Amino acid sequence: MAKSSIKKSEKKIKKTTDCSLSTEQYLRLYYYMRLTREFEEAILKLYRQGKIVGGAYTGNGNEATAVGSAFALQANDYLFPMHRDMGAHLVKGQSLRNLMLQHLGRGNSLSKGRDGTGHYADPSLKIYGNISHLGAMIPMAVGVALASKLRNEKAVAMTYIGDGGCNVGDFHESLAMASVMKLPLVLIVENNQFAYSTPVTKQHSAQKISDRALGYGIPGFTIDGTDLDAVYATCKNAVERARAGEGPTLIESVTMRMHGHSAHDGAEYVPKKLLEEWKKKDPVVRIEKLLSDKKILSSKIKDEYGKKISTELEDAVQYAVESPYPSAEEAAIGVFAL
C-alpha cells in the first residue's frame, strides 16, 4: 500500500471520534465491562479457595479494550481472544456458565475438563480461545482471514497479542502475509506495560508499537486502551475497512496490567507509583463517569445492574461447582504427549 493510501485510511479513522452509540448500547457496554470485572474477581476467590487448579488470570485495567474491540464485531466475525480478554468472550455471546465450567475444569465444559481458563474453542460463536504460546494465535487468525476471503464470507478475524508477544516471528510473518494479500484482519497489541516481569522500556526502542505498521504498508494506531469510546471507534472503523477488502489494521491499545501475571504473582517488580497513576484511569470507573455525565447512568440503574450481575454470577458459580469432573477415561481422549 502506498504511503498516501495509508494516510487516507488513518485520516478516515481519526475523523470518527464520535462513537454515535445509543443509550442502550452504552448501557450494554457498561454491563459487559462491569460483568467482566466481577467475573474475574469471582475467579480469584475460587482460586484462593482451591477450587481452581493452575493459573487464574485477570484483565483488570483491560476491560475497555476487550469489550470495546469485540463490540465492533458482527456475529459472523471470528474472535481469537487472549487470557486478559474475558470481556470479548462475553460480548461475543459466551455464557457465564460455560466460562465458569471452563475455569473449574468440569467434564461438561467446552474443553470437557481437559483444560482451563480461556483455552477452548466454540465454533458456534466463532470464538477460538487462546493457547499458551500466544504469538501462535496470529497466524491462525490470518489463516482464517484468508479462508474467509476465499469463501467471500465478508467476515473479519480479530485477534490480540501483548507488548512482549509482538516481538516473536509469528507477529511479523503474519502481518507480512496479511498485508500483501489484503486479508480481513484486525490485530490489537495490548501494551499493558509488562511482559510478565519485563517492562516495555526493555522490550522496544520505538516510541510506539503501532509505528511498525508502516513497514507492512498498513494503517497503525496507538490509542488509550482505558477509553471505551476511543477503543470502539478505532476498532469499528478497522473492522469496516477489513470487511470492505482494504486489508488489515494494527492497533496498539495502551493500558496497564493492574494485577500480576496470574493469581500466584504478587507483581512486586511493578513500581507502586506507576500503579497509583493508572488507578486514576480505571476503565470501569471511567465508563461510569462518562455515562453519568451523559445522564445515562443513575444510581438506581447502577444498583440494578449490580443485583443482576450478582445473581448471574451466583448461578454460574453454583452450577459449575456442582458439575462433575470428567472421568479418567474421558479426560485422556484427544490429549497427546510427545
C-alpha atoms as a PDB file:
ATOM      1  CA  MET A   1       0.000   0.000   0.000  1.00  0.00           C
ATOM      2  CA  ALA A   2       1.331   3.437  -0.920  1.00  0.00           C
ATOM      3  CA  LYS A   3       2.119   5.831   1.937  1.00  0.00           C
ATOM      4  CA  SER A   4      -0.566   8.252   0.704  1.00  0.00           C
ATOM      5  CA  SER A   5      -3.174   5.480   0.875  1.00  0.00           C
ATOM      6  CA  ILE A   6      -2.184   4.724   4.446  1.00  0.00           C
ATOM      7  CA  LYS A   7      -2.601   8.368   5.406  1.00  0.00           C
ATOM      8  CA  LYS A   8      -6.072   8.415   3.823  1.00  0.00           C
ATOM      9  CA  SER A   9      -7.078   5.336   5.830  1.00  0.00           C
ATOM     10  CA  GLU A  10      -5.709   6.857   9.031  1.00  0.00           C
ATOM     11  CA  LYS A  11      -7.487  10.138   8.379  1.00  0.00           C
ATOM     12  CA  LYS A  12     -10.767   8.281   7.830  1.00  0.00           C
ATOM     13  CA  ILE A  13     -10.454   6.512  11.176  1.00  0.00           C
ATOM     14  CA  LYS A  14      -9.286   9.594  13.073  1.00  0.00           C
ATOM     15  CA  LYS A  15     -12.339  11.523  11.882  1.00  0.00           C
ATOM     16  CA  THR A  16     -14.593   9.090  13.709  1.00  0.00           C
ATOM     17  CA  THR A  17     -14.132  10.350  17.255  1.00  0.00           C
ATOM     18  CA  ASP A  18     -17.868  10.316  17.971  1.00  0.00           C
ATOM     19  CA  CYS A  19     -18.921   6.708  18.522  1.00  0.00           C
ATOM     20  CA  SER A  20     -22.571   7.508  17.807  1.00  0.00           C
ATOM     21  CA  LEU A  21     -23.549   4.888  20.345  1.00  0.00           C
ATOM     22  CA  SER A  22     -27.134   4.810  21.546  1.00  0.00           C
ATOM     23  CA  THR A  23     -28.122   4.880  25.215  1.00  0.00           C
ATOM     24  CA  GLU A  24     -28.954   1.176  25.011  1.00  0.00           C
ATOM     25  CA  GLN A  25     -25.554   0.365  23.521  1.00  0.00           C
ATOM     26  CA  TYR A  26     -23.706   2.373  26.155  1.00  0.00           C
ATOM     27  CA  LEU A  27     -25.565   0.526  28.903  1.00  0.00           C
ATOM     28  CA  ARG A  28     -24.758  -2.827  27.283  1.00  0.00           C
ATOM     29  CA  LEU A  29     -21.088  -1.875  27.193  1.00  0.00           C
ATOM     30  CA  TYR A  30     -21.233  -0.816  30.822  1.00  0.00           C
ATOM     31  CA  TYR A  31     -22.853  -4.119  31.729  1.00  0.00           C
ATOM     32  CA  TYR A  32     -20.176  -6.140  29.924  1.00  0.00           C
ATOM     33  CA  MET A  33     -17.316  -4.160  31.454  1.00  0.00           C
ATOM     34  CA  ARG A  34     -18.683  -4.460  34.966  1.00  0.00           C
ATOM     35  CA  LEU A  35     -19.566  -8.125  34.458  1.00  0.00           C
ATOM     36  CA  THR A  36     -16.017  -8.788  33.257  1.00  0.00           C
ATOM     37  CA  ARG A  37     -14.521  -7.153  36.334  1.00  0.00           C
ATOM     38  CA  GLU A  38     -16.786  -9.019  38.755  1.00  0.00           C
ATOM     39  CA  PHE A  39     -16.473 -12.361  36.933  1.00  0.00           C
ATOM     40  CA  GLU A  40     -12.714 -12.212  37.291  1.00  0.00           C
ATOM     41  CA  GLU A  41     -12.970 -11.246  40.953  1.00  0.00           C
ATOM     42  CA  ALA A  42     -15.098 -14.382  41.415  1.00  0.00           C
ATOM     43  CA  ILE A  43     -12.418 -16.425  39.655  1.00  0.00           C
ATOM     44  CA  LEU A  44      -9.760 -15.103  42.044  1.00  0.00           C
ATOM     45  CA  LYS A  45     -11.904 -16.065  45.045  1.00  0.00           C
ATOM     46  CA  LEU A  46     -12.391 -19.579  43.690  1.00  0.00           C
ATOM     47  CA  TYR A  47      -8.649 -19.861  43.080  1.00  0.00           C
ATOM     48  CA  ARG A  48      -7.870 -18.860  46.667  1.00  0.00           C
ATOM     49  CA  GLN A  49     -10.397 -21.441  47.866  1.00  0.00           C
ATOM     50  CA  GLY A  50      -8.520 -24.145  45.965  1.00  0.00           C
ATOM     51  CA  LYS A  51     -11.378 -24.747  43.541  1.00  0.00           C
ATOM     52  CA  ILE A  52      -9.350 -23.679  40.508  1.00  0.00           C
ATOM     53  CA  VAL A  53      -6.135 -25.541  39.708  1.00  0.00           C
ATOM     54  CA  GLY A  54      -3.426 -23.947  37.590  1.00  0.00           C
ATOM     55  CA  GLY A  55      -3.445 -20.332  36.504  1.00  0.00           C
ATOM     56  CA  ALA A  56      -6.073 -17.706  37.243  1.00  0.00           C
ATOM     57  CA  TYR A  57      -5.691 -14.630  35.067  1.00  0.00           C
ATOM     58  CA  THR A  58      -7.432 -11.277  35.097  1.00  0.00           C
ATOM     59  CA  GLY A  59      -7.739  -8.394  32.684  1.00  0.00           C
ATOM     60  CA  ASN A  60      -8.130  -5.787  35.410  1.00  0.00           C
ATOM     61  CA  GLY A  61      -7.395  -2.498  33.647  1.00  0.00           C
ATOM     62  CA  ASN A  62      -8.079  -4.014  30.225  1.00  0.00           C
ATOM     63  CA  GLU A  63     -11.887  -4.136  30.285  1.00  0.00           C
ATOM     64  CA  ALA A  64     -12.433  -1.240  27.871  1.00  0.00           C
ATOM     65  CA  THR A  65     -10.076  -2.798  25.326  1.00  0.00           C
ATOM     66  CA  ALA A  66     -11.613  -6.289  25.481  1.00  0.00           C
ATOM     67  CA  VAL A  67     -15.234  -5.125  25.483  1.00  0.00           C
ATOM     68  CA  GLY A  68     -14.888  -2.168  23.132  1.00  0.00           C
ATOM     69  CA  SER A  69     -12.991  -4.113  20.477  1.00  0.00           C
ATOM     70  CA  ALA A  70     -15.316  -7.132  20.406  1.00  0.00           C
ATOM     71  CA  PHE A  71     -18.371  -4.854  20.353  1.00  0.00           C
ATOM     72  CA  ALA A  72     -17.230  -3.722  16.906  1.00  0.00           C
ATOM     73  CA  LEU A  73     -17.636  -7.259  15.512  1.00  0.00           C
ATOM     74  CA  GLN A  74     -20.657  -8.919  13.944  1.00  0.00           C
ATOM     75  CA  ALA A  75     -21.980 -12.408  14.648  1.00  0.00           C
ATOM     76  CA  ASN A  76     -20.250 -13.879  11.565  1.00  0.00           C
ATOM     77  CA  ASP A  77     -16.829 -12.477  12.518  1.00  0.00           C
ATOM     78  CA  TYR A  78     -14.076 -14.562  14.116  1.00  0.00           C
ATOM     79  CA  LEU A  79     -12.616 -13.810  17.546  1.00  0.00           C
ATOM     80  CA  PHE A  80      -9.222 -15.031  18.810  1.00  0.00           C
ATOM     81  CA  PRO A  81      -9.024 -13.582  22.346  1.00  0.00           C
ATOM     82  CA  MET A  82      -6.145 -13.746  24.826  1.00  0.00           C
ATOM     83  CA  HIS A  83      -6.206 -14.576  28.531  1.00  0.00           C
ATOM     84  CA  ARG A  84      -6.918 -10.946  29.506  1.00  0.00           C
ATOM     85  CA  ASP A  85      -9.864 -10.552  27.120  1.00  0.00           C
ATOM     86  CA  MET A  86     -12.673 -12.101  29.158  1.00  0.00           C
ATOM     87  CA  GLY A  87     -14.917  -9.224  28.161  1.00  0.00           C
ATOM     88  CA  ALA A  88     -14.533 -10.141  24.494  1.00  0.00           C
ATOM     89  CA  HIS A  89     -15.858 -13.660  25.174  1.00  0.00           C
ATOM     90  CA  LEU A  90     -18.917 -12.184  26.889  1.00  0.00           C
ATOM     91  CA  VAL A  91     -19.616  -9.638  24.156  1.00  0.00           C
ATOM     92  CA  LYS A  92     -19.381 -12.359  21.503  1.00  0.00           C
ATOM     93  CA  GLY A  93     -22.129 -14.267  23.295  1.00  0.00           C
ATOM     94  CA  GLN A  94     -20.380 -16.781  25.534  1.00  0.00           C
ATOM     95  CA  SER A  95     -22.411 -17.724  28.610  1.00  0.00           C
ATOM     96  CA  LEU A  96     -21.246 -17.258  32.186  1.00  0.00           C
ATOM     97  CA  ARG A  97     -21.972 -20.899  32.896  1.00  0.00           C
ATOM     98  CA  ASN A  98     -19.705 -22.085  30.090  1.00  0.00           C
ATOM     99  CA  LEU A  99     -16.914 -19.763  31.164  1.00  0.00           C
ATOM    100  CA  MET A 100     -17.173 -20.834  34.790  1.00  0.00           C
ATOM    101  CA  LEU A 101     -17.271 -24.531  33.837  1.00  0.00           C
ATOM    102  CA  GLN A 102     -14.177 -23.970  31.743  1.00  0.00           C
ATOM    103  CA  HIS A 103     -12.244 -22.295  34.555  1.00  0.00           C
ATOM    104  CA  LEU A 104     -13.188 -25.035  37.018  1.00  0.00           C
ATOM    105  CA  GLY A 105     -12.241 -27.807  34.576  1.00  0.00           C
ATOM    106  CA  ARG A 106     -15.560 -29.597  34.694  1.00  0.00           C
ATOM    107  CA  GLY A 107     -16.488 -32.506  32.430  1.00  0.00           C
ATOM    108  CA  ASN A 108     -19.343 -30.583  30.804  1.00  0.00           C
ATOM    109  CA  SER A 109     -17.161 -27.605  29.923  1.00  0.00           C
ATOM    110  CA  LEU A 110     -16.331 -26.678  26.345  1.00  0.00           C
ATOM    111  CA  SER A 111     -12.965 -28.447  26.615  1.00  0.00           C
ATOM    112  CA  LYS A 112     -14.572 -31.382  28.503  1.00  0.00           C
ATOM    113  CA  GLY A 113     -12.408 -30.693  31.529  1.00  0.00           C
ATOM    114  CA  ARG A 114      -9.145 -31.206  29.670  1.00  0.00           C
ATOM    115  CA  ASP A 115      -8.047 -27.592  30.076  1.00  0.00           C
ATOM    116  CA  GLY A 116      -8.901 -24.455  31.987  1.00  0.00           C
ATOM    117  CA  THR A 117      -9.092 -20.656  31.665  1.00  0.00           C
ATOM    118  CA  GLY A 118      -9.776 -19.449  28.125  1.00  0.00           C
ATOM    119  CA  HIS A 119      -8.215 -22.427  26.371  1.00  0.00           C
ATOM    120  CA  TYR A 120     -11.254 -23.535  24.417  1.00  0.00           C
ATOM    121  CA  ALA A 121     -12.997 -23.189  21.080  1.00  0.00           C
ATOM    122  CA  ASP A 122     -16.676 -22.559  20.438  1.00  0.00           C
ATOM    123  CA  PRO A 123     -17.277 -22.729  16.673  1.00  0.00           C
ATOM    124  CA  SER A 124     -20.962 -21.884  17.169  1.00  0.00           C
ATOM    125  CA  LEU A 125     -19.915 -18.394  18.305  1.00  0.00           C
ATOM    126  CA  LYS A 126     -16.748 -18.296  16.197  1.00  0.00           C
ATOM    127  CA  ILE A 127     -14.621 -17.934  19.318  1.00  0.00           C
ATOM    128  CA  TYR A 128     -11.222 -19.641  19.251  1.00  0.00           C
ATOM    129  CA  GLY A 129      -9.656 -19.168  22.651  1.00  0.00           C
ATOM    130  CA  ASN A 130      -6.023 -18.598  23.375  1.00  0.00           C
ATOM    131  CA  ILE A 131      -3.235 -21.115  23.627  1.00  0.00           C
ATOM    132  CA  SER A 132      -0.258 -20.682  25.939  1.00  0.00           C
ATOM    133  CA  HIS A 133       2.047 -19.738  23.053  1.00  0.00           C
ATOM    134  CA  LEU A 134       0.129 -16.540  22.396  1.00  0.00           C
ATOM    135  CA  GLY A 135       2.053 -15.487  19.305  1.00  0.00           C
ATOM    136  CA  ALA A 136       0.909 -18.639  17.514  1.00  0.00           C
ATOM    137  CA  MET A 137      -2.653 -17.349  17.556  1.00  0.00           C
ATOM    138  CA  ILE A 138      -1.846 -14.657  14.993  1.00  0.00           C
ATOM    139  CA  PRO A 139      -1.024 -16.989  12.062  1.00  0.00           C
ATOM    140  CA  MET A 140      -4.163 -18.978  12.891  1.00  0.00           C
ATOM    141  CA  ALA A 141      -6.228 -15.812  12.692  1.00  0.00           C
ATOM    142  CA  VAL A 142      -4.518 -14.935   9.415  1.00  0.00           C
ATOM    143  CA  GLY A 143      -5.363 -18.375   8.044  1.00  0.00           C
ATOM    144  CA  VAL A 144      -8.997 -17.917   8.998  1.00  0.00           C
ATOM    145  CA  ALA A 145      -8.995 -14.451   7.444  1.00  0.00           C
ATOM    146  CA  LEU A 146      -7.634 -15.962   4.212  1.00  0.00           C
ATOM    147  CA  ALA A 147     -10.315 -18.670   4.249  1.00  0.00           C
ATOM    148  CA  SER A 148     -12.966 -16.029   4.857  1.00  0.00           C
ATOM    149  CA  LYS A 149     -11.745 -14.047   1.872  1.00  0.00           C
ATOM    150  CA  LEU A 150     -11.621 -17.098  -0.398  1.00  0.00           C
ATOM    151  CA  ARG A 151     -15.167 -18.048   0.642  1.00  0.00           C
ATOM    152  CA  ASN A 152     -16.348 -14.465   0.183  1.00  0.00           C
ATOM    153  CA  GLU A 153     -17.847 -14.556   3.696  1.00  0.00           C
ATOM    154  CA  LYS A 154     -17.288 -10.841   4.313  1.00  0.00           C
ATOM    155  CA  ALA A 155     -16.175 -11.872   7.800  1.00  0.00           C
ATOM    156  CA  VAL A 156     -13.350 -10.308   9.794  1.00  0.00           C
ATOM    157  CA  ALA A 157     -10.825 -12.041  12.060  1.00  0.00           C
ATOM    158  CA  MET A 158      -9.841 -10.120  15.193  1.00  0.00           C
ATOM    159  CA  THR A 159      -7.003 -11.224  17.416  1.00  0.00           C
ATOM    160  CA  TYR A 160      -4.749  -9.818  20.112  1.00  0.00           C
ATOM    161  CA  ILE A 161      -1.153 -10.005  21.302  1.00  0.00           C
ATOM    162  CA  GLY A 162       0.792  -8.443  24.156  1.00  0.00           C
ATOM    163  CA  ASP A 163       3.682  -5.996  24.147  1.00  0.00           C
ATOM    164  CA  GLY A 164       6.040  -8.934  24.684  1.00  0.00           C
ATOM    165  CA  GLY A 165       4.411 -11.343  22.262  1.00  0.00           C
ATOM    166  CA  CYS A 166       4.581  -8.871  19.382  1.00  0.00           C
ATOM    167  CA  ASN A 167       8.339  -9.441  19.243  1.00  0.00           C
ATOM    168  CA  VAL A 168       8.073 -13.062  18.105  1.00  0.00           C
ATOM    169  CA  GLY A 169       8.382 -14.130  14.482  1.00  0.00           C
ATOM    170  CA  ASP A 170       4.723 -15.148  14.223  1.00  0.00           C
ATOM    171  CA  PHE A 171       3.735 -11.486  14.559  1.00  0.00           C
ATOM    172  CA  HIS A 172       5.950 -10.264  11.729  1.00  0.00           C
ATOM    173  CA  GLU A 173       5.327 -13.133   9.323  1.00  0.00           C
ATOM    174  CA  SER A 174       1.584 -12.929   9.842  1.00  0.00           C
ATOM    175  CA  LEU A 175       1.389  -9.191   9.183  1.00  0.00           C
ATOM    176  CA  ALA A 176       3.627  -9.547   6.132  1.00  0.00           C
ATOM    177  CA  MET A 177       1.233 -12.109   4.639  1.00  0.00           C
ATOM    178  CA  ALA A 178      -1.969 -10.366   5.723  1.00  0.00           C
ATOM    179  CA  SER A 179      -0.877  -7.014   4.354  1.00  0.00           C
ATOM    180  CA  VAL A 180       0.231  -8.174   0.915  1.00  0.00           C
ATOM    181  CA  MET A 181      -2.916 -10.299   0.487  1.00  0.00           C
ATOM    182  CA  LYS A 182      -5.214  -7.606   1.931  1.00  0.00           C
ATOM    183  CA  LEU A 183      -6.750 -10.044   4.384  1.00  0.00           C
ATOM    184  CA  PRO A 184      -9.633  -9.017   6.681  1.00  0.00           C
ATOM    185  CA  LEU A 185      -7.599  -8.957   9.894  1.00  0.00           C
ATOM    186  CA  VAL A 186      -7.608  -6.625  12.896  1.00  0.00           C
ATOM    187  CA  LEU A 187      -4.617  -7.148  15.189  1.00  0.00           C
ATOM    188  CA  ILE A 188      -4.676  -5.445  18.582  1.00  0.00           C
ATOM    189  CA  VAL A 189      -1.485  -5.134  20.608  1.00  0.00           C
ATOM    190  CA  GLU A 190      -2.356  -4.891  24.290  1.00  0.00           C
ATOM    191  CA  ASN A 191       0.508  -2.795  25.586  1.00  0.00           C
ATOM    192  CA  ASN A 192      -0.052  -3.270  29.319  1.00  0.00           C
ATOM    193  CA  GLN A 193       3.467  -2.173  30.281  1.00  0.00           C
ATOM    194  CA  PHE A 194       4.858  -5.581  31.298  1.00  0.00           C
ATOM    195  CA  ALA A 195       5.576  -8.883  29.527  1.00  0.00           C
ATOM    196  CA  TYR A 196       5.349 -10.905  32.727  1.00  0.00           C
ATOM    197  CA  SER A 197       8.029  -9.005  34.687  1.00  0.00           C
ATOM    198  CA  THR A 198       9.836  -7.273  31.804  1.00  0.00           C
ATOM    199  CA  PRO A 199       8.858  -3.591  31.430  1.00  0.00           C
ATOM    200  CA  VAL A 200       8.019  -2.324  27.973  1.00  0.00           C
ATOM    201  CA  THR A 201      11.032   0.031  28.057  1.00  0.00           C
ATOM    202  CA  LYS A 202      13.299  -3.023  27.930  1.00  0.00           C
ATOM    203  CA  GLN A 203      11.411  -4.596  25.029  1.00  0.00           C
ATOM    204  CA  HIS A 204      11.083  -1.845  22.425  1.00  0.00           C
ATOM    205  CA  SER A 205      13.201   1.012  21.126  1.00  0.00           C
ATOM    206  CA  ALA A 206      10.369   2.513  19.077  1.00  0.00           C
ATOM    207  CA  GLN A 207       8.219   5.132  20.773  1.00  0.00           C
ATOM    208  CA  LYS A 208       5.029   3.440  19.580  1.00  0.00           C
ATOM    209  CA  ILE A 209       4.491  -0.210  18.675  1.00  0.00           C
ATOM    210  CA  SER A 210       1.974   0.902  16.058  1.00  0.00           C
ATOM    211  CA  ASP A 211       4.806   2.556  14.108  1.00  0.00           C
ATOM    212  CA  ARG A 212       5.624  -0.917  12.823  1.00  0.00           C
ATOM    213  CA  ALA A 213       2.529  -0.800  10.656  1.00  0.00           C
ATOM    214  CA  LEU A 214       4.221   1.488   8.135  1.00  0.00           C
ATOM    215  CA  GLY A 215       6.738  -1.254   7.343  1.00  0.00           C
ATOM    216  CA  TYR A 216       3.885  -3.520   6.282  1.00  0.00           C
ATOM    217  CA  GLY A 217       2.090  -0.816   4.320  1.00  0.00           C
ATOM    218  CA  ILE A 218      -0.963  -0.813   6.583  1.00  0.00           C
ATOM    219  CA  PRO A 219      -2.555   1.731   8.949  1.00  0.00           C
ATOM    220  CA  GLY A 220      -1.395   1.703  12.549  1.00  0.00           C
ATOM    221  CA  PHE A 221      -2.884   3.464  15.577  1.00  0.00           C
ATOM    222  CA  THR A 222      -1.995   3.963  19.203  1.00  0.00           C
ATOM    223  CA  ILE A 223      -4.986   4.564  21.462  1.00  0.00           C
ATOM    224  CA  ASP A 224      -5.781   4.916  25.151  1.00  0.00           C
ATOM    225  CA  GLY A 225      -6.941   1.409  25.998  1.00  0.00           C
ATOM    226  CA  THR A 226      -8.871   2.608  29.044  1.00  0.00           C
ATOM    227  CA  ASP A 227     -11.026   4.937  26.931  1.00  0.00           C
ATOM    228  CA  LEU A 228     -14.040   2.944  25.728  1.00  0.00           C
ATOM    229  CA  ASP A 229     -15.045   5.475  23.062  1.00  0.00           C
ATOM    230  CA  ALA A 230     -11.544   5.534  21.567  1.00  0.00           C
ATOM    231  CA  VAL A 231     -11.302   1.738  21.526  1.00  0.00           C
ATOM    232  CA  TYR A 232     -14.710   1.181  19.963  1.00  0.00           C
ATOM    233  CA  ALA A 233     -14.404   3.945  17.348  1.00  0.00           C
ATOM    234  CA  THR A 234     -10.955   2.801  16.192  1.00  0.00           C
ATOM    235  CA  CYS A 235     -11.856  -0.890  16.112  1.00  0.00           C
ATOM    236  CA  LYS A 236     -15.190  -0.266  14.412  1.00  0.00           C
ATOM    237  CA  ASN A 237     -13.534   1.555  11.548  1.00  0.00           C
ATOM    238  CA  ALA A 238     -10.756  -1.025  11.301  1.00  0.00           C
ATOM    239  CA  VAL A 239     -13.367  -3.801  11.105  1.00  0.00           C
ATOM    240  CA  GLU A 240     -15.333  -1.929   8.433  1.00  0.00           C
ATOM    241  CA  ARG A 241     -12.139  -1.333   6.485  1.00  0.00           C
ATOM    242  CA  ALA A 242     -11.250  -5.037   6.647  1.00  0.00           C
ATOM    243  CA  ARG A 243     -14.758  -6.083   5.624  1.00  0.00           C
ATOM    244  CA  ALA A 244     -14.569  -3.773   2.617  1.00  0.00           C
ATOM    245  CA  GLY A 245     -11.474  -5.615   1.362  1.00  0.00           C
ATOM    246  CA  GLU A 246      -8.964  -2.910   2.288  1.00  0.00           C
ATOM    247  CA  GLY A 247      -6.766  -5.183   4.364  1.00  0.00           C
ATOM    248  CA  PRO A 248      -5.516  -5.389   7.957  1.00  0.00           C
ATOM    249  CA  THR A 249      -5.051  -2.736  10.621  1.00  0.00           C
ATOM    250  CA  LEU A 250      -2.632  -2.730  13.561  1.00  0.00           C
ATOM    251  CA  ILE A 251      -3.957  -1.129  16.744  1.00  0.00           C
ATOM    252  CA  GLU A 252      -1.842  -0.556  19.851  1.00  0.00           C
ATOM    253  CA  SER A 253      -4.011  -0.269  22.947  1.00  0.00           C
ATOM    254  CA  VAL A 254      -2.063   1.280  25.821  1.00  0.00           C
ATOM    255  CA  THR A 255      -3.279   0.002  29.188  1.00  0.00           C
ATOM    256  CA  MET A 256      -1.858  -1.223  32.487  1.00  0.00           C
ATOM    257  CA  ARG A 257      -1.890  -4.726  33.907  1.00  0.00           C
ATOM    258  CA  MET A 258      -3.183  -3.909  37.378  1.00  0.00           C
ATOM    259  CA  HIS A 259      -2.662  -7.423  38.744  1.00  0.00           C
ATOM    260  CA  GLY A 260       0.283  -9.784  38.438  1.00  0.00           C
ATOM    261  CA  HIS A 261       0.790 -12.113  35.510  1.00  0.00           C
ATOM    262  CA  SER A 262      -1.567 -14.555  37.230  1.00  0.00           C
ATOM    263  CA  ALA A 263      -3.041 -15.064  40.698  1.00  0.00           C
ATOM    264  CA  HIS A 264       0.184 -16.504  42.120  1.00  0.00           C
ATOM    265  CA  ASP A 265       2.217 -13.442  41.057  1.00  0.00           C
ATOM    266  CA  GLY A 266       2.329 -10.547  43.530  1.00  0.00           C
ATOM    267  CA  ALA A 267       3.890  -8.242  40.882  1.00  0.00           C
ATOM    268  CA  GLU A 268       6.414  -6.811  43.352  1.00  0.00           C
ATOM    269  CA  TYR A 269       8.502  -5.777  40.355  1.00  0.00           C
ATOM    270  CA  VAL A 270       5.919  -3.141  39.338  1.00  0.00           C
ATOM    271  CA  PRO A 271       6.592   0.345  40.797  1.00  0.00           C
ATOM    272  CA  LYS A 272       3.787   1.285  43.177  1.00  0.00           C
ATOM    273  CA  LYS A 273       3.790   4.830  41.840  1.00  0.00           C
ATOM    274  CA  LEU A 274       3.037   3.507  38.355  1.00  0.00           C
ATOM    275  CA  LEU A 275       0.064   1.517  39.631  1.00  0.00           C
ATOM    276  CA  GLU A 276      -1.249   4.542  41.507  1.00  0.00           C
ATOM    277  CA  GLU A 277      -1.085   6.629  38.338  1.00  0.00           C
ATOM    278  CA  TRP A 278      -3.042   4.046  36.336  1.00  0.00           C
ATOM    279  CA  LYS A 279      -5.649   3.607  39.074  1.00  0.00           C
ATOM    280  CA  LYS A 280      -6.836   7.072  38.158  1.00  0.00           C
ATOM    281  CA  LYS A 281      -7.685   5.717  34.683  1.00  0.00           C
ATOM    282  CA  ASP A 282      -9.616   2.642  35.841  1.00  0.00           C
ATOM    283  CA  PRO A 283     -11.757   1.816  32.759  1.00  0.00           C
ATOM    284  CA  VAL A 284     -14.791   0.736  34.791  1.00  0.00           C
ATOM    285  CA  VAL A 285     -14.723   3.949  36.807  1.00  0.00           C
ATOM    286  CA  ARG A 286     -14.223   5.928  33.600  1.00  0.00           C
ATOM    287  CA  ILE A 287     -17.284   4.496  31.863  1.00  0.00           C
ATOM    288  CA  GLU A 288     -19.372   5.085  34.969  1.00  0.00           C
ATOM    289  CA  LYS A 289     -18.325   8.730  34.956  1.00  0.00           C
ATOM    290  CA  LEU A 290     -18.871   9.003  31.202  1.00  0.00           C
ATOM    291  CA  LEU A 291     -22.389   7.621  31.400  1.00  0.00           C
ATOM    292  CA  SER A 292     -23.203   9.695  34.461  1.00  0.00           C
ATOM    293  CA  ASP A 293     -22.061  12.837  32.649  1.00  0.00           C
ATOM    294  CA  LYS A 294     -24.229  11.853  29.684  1.00  0.00           C
ATOM    295  CA  LYS A 295     -27.194  11.412  32.066  1.00  0.00           C
ATOM    296  CA  ILE A 296     -27.403   7.729  31.053  1.00  0.00           C
ATOM    297  CA  LEU A 297     -26.344   6.033  34.292  1.00  0.00           C
ATOM    298  CA  SER A 298     -28.171   6.853  37.506  1.00  0.00           C
ATOM    299  CA  SER A 299     -27.612   5.402  40.978  1.00  0.00           C
ATOM    300  CA  LYS A 300     -30.781   3.357  40.554  1.00  0.00           C
ATOM    301  CA  ILE A 301     -29.657   1.824  37.250  1.00  0.00           C
ATOM    302  CA  LYS A 302     -26.197   1.167  38.668  1.00  0.00           C
ATOM    303  CA  ASP A 303     -27.702  -0.723  41.620  1.00  0.00           C
ATOM    304  CA  GLU A 304     -29.984  -2.706  39.315  1.00  0.00           C
ATOM    305  CA  TYR A 305     -27.015  -3.826  37.235  1.00  0.00           C
ATOM    306  CA  GLY A 306     -25.172  -4.757  40.409  1.00  0.00           C
ATOM    307  CA  LYS A 307     -28.003  -7.031  41.541  1.00  0.00           C
ATOM    308  CA  LYS A 308     -28.381  -8.542  38.071  1.00  0.00           C
ATOM    309  CA  ILE A 309     -24.674  -9.342  37.791  1.00  0.00           C
ATOM    310  CA  SER A 310     -24.525 -10.750  41.324  1.00  0.00           C
ATOM    311  CA  THR A 311     -27.446 -13.092  40.598  1.00  0.00           C
ATOM    312  CA  GLU A 312     -25.964 -14.249  37.289  1.00  0.00           C
ATOM    313  CA  LEU A 313     -22.560 -14.920  38.829  1.00  0.00           C
ATOM    314  CA  GLU A 314     -24.013 -16.834  41.768  1.00  0.00           C
ATOM    315  CA  ASP A 315     -25.899 -19.048  39.327  1.00  0.00           C
ATOM    316  CA  ALA A 316     -22.794 -19.704  37.208  1.00  0.00           C
ATOM    317  CA  VAL A 317     -20.583 -20.481  40.209  1.00  0.00           C
ATOM    318  CA  GLN A 318     -23.110 -22.830  41.801  1.00  0.00           C
ATOM    319  CA  TYR A 319     -23.754 -24.603  38.508  1.00  0.00           C
ATOM    320  CA  ALA A 320     -20.050 -25.102  37.855  1.00  0.00           C
ATOM    321  CA  VAL A 321     -19.122 -26.159  41.378  1.00  0.00           C
ATOM    322  CA  GLU A 322     -21.896 -28.767  41.393  1.00  0.00           C
ATOM    323  CA  SER A 323     -20.942 -30.110  37.944  1.00  0.00           C
ATOM    324  CA  PRO A 324     -18.798 -33.269  37.788  1.00  0.00           C
ATOM    325  CA  TYR A 325     -15.183 -33.559  36.768  1.00  0.00           C
ATOM    326  CA  PRO A 326     -14.516 -35.709  33.692  1.00  0.00           C
ATOM    327  CA  SER A 327     -13.879 -39.381  34.244  1.00  0.00           C
ATOM    328  CA  ALA A 328     -10.298 -40.576  33.882  1.00  0.00           C
ATOM    329  CA  GLU A 329     -11.143 -42.199  30.544  1.00  0.00           C
ATOM    330  CA  GLU A 330     -12.795 -39.070  29.146  1.00  0.00           C
ATOM    331  CA  ALA A 331     -10.039 -36.764  30.344  1.00  0.00           C
ATOM    332  CA  ALA A 332      -7.470 -38.645  28.269  1.00  0.00           C
ATOM    333  CA  ILE A 333      -9.419 -38.517  24.983  1.00  0.00           C
ATOM    334  CA  GLY A 334      -7.809 -36.235  22.425  1.00  0.00           C
ATOM    335  CA  VAL A 335      -4.830 -35.469  24.680  1.00  0.00           C
ATOM    336  CA  PHE A 336      -1.428 -36.185  23.190  1.00  0.00           C
ATOM    337  CA  ALA A 337       2.108 -36.040  24.568  1.00  0.00           C
ATOM    338  CA  LEU A 338       5.419 -36.294  22.751  1.00  0.00           C
END
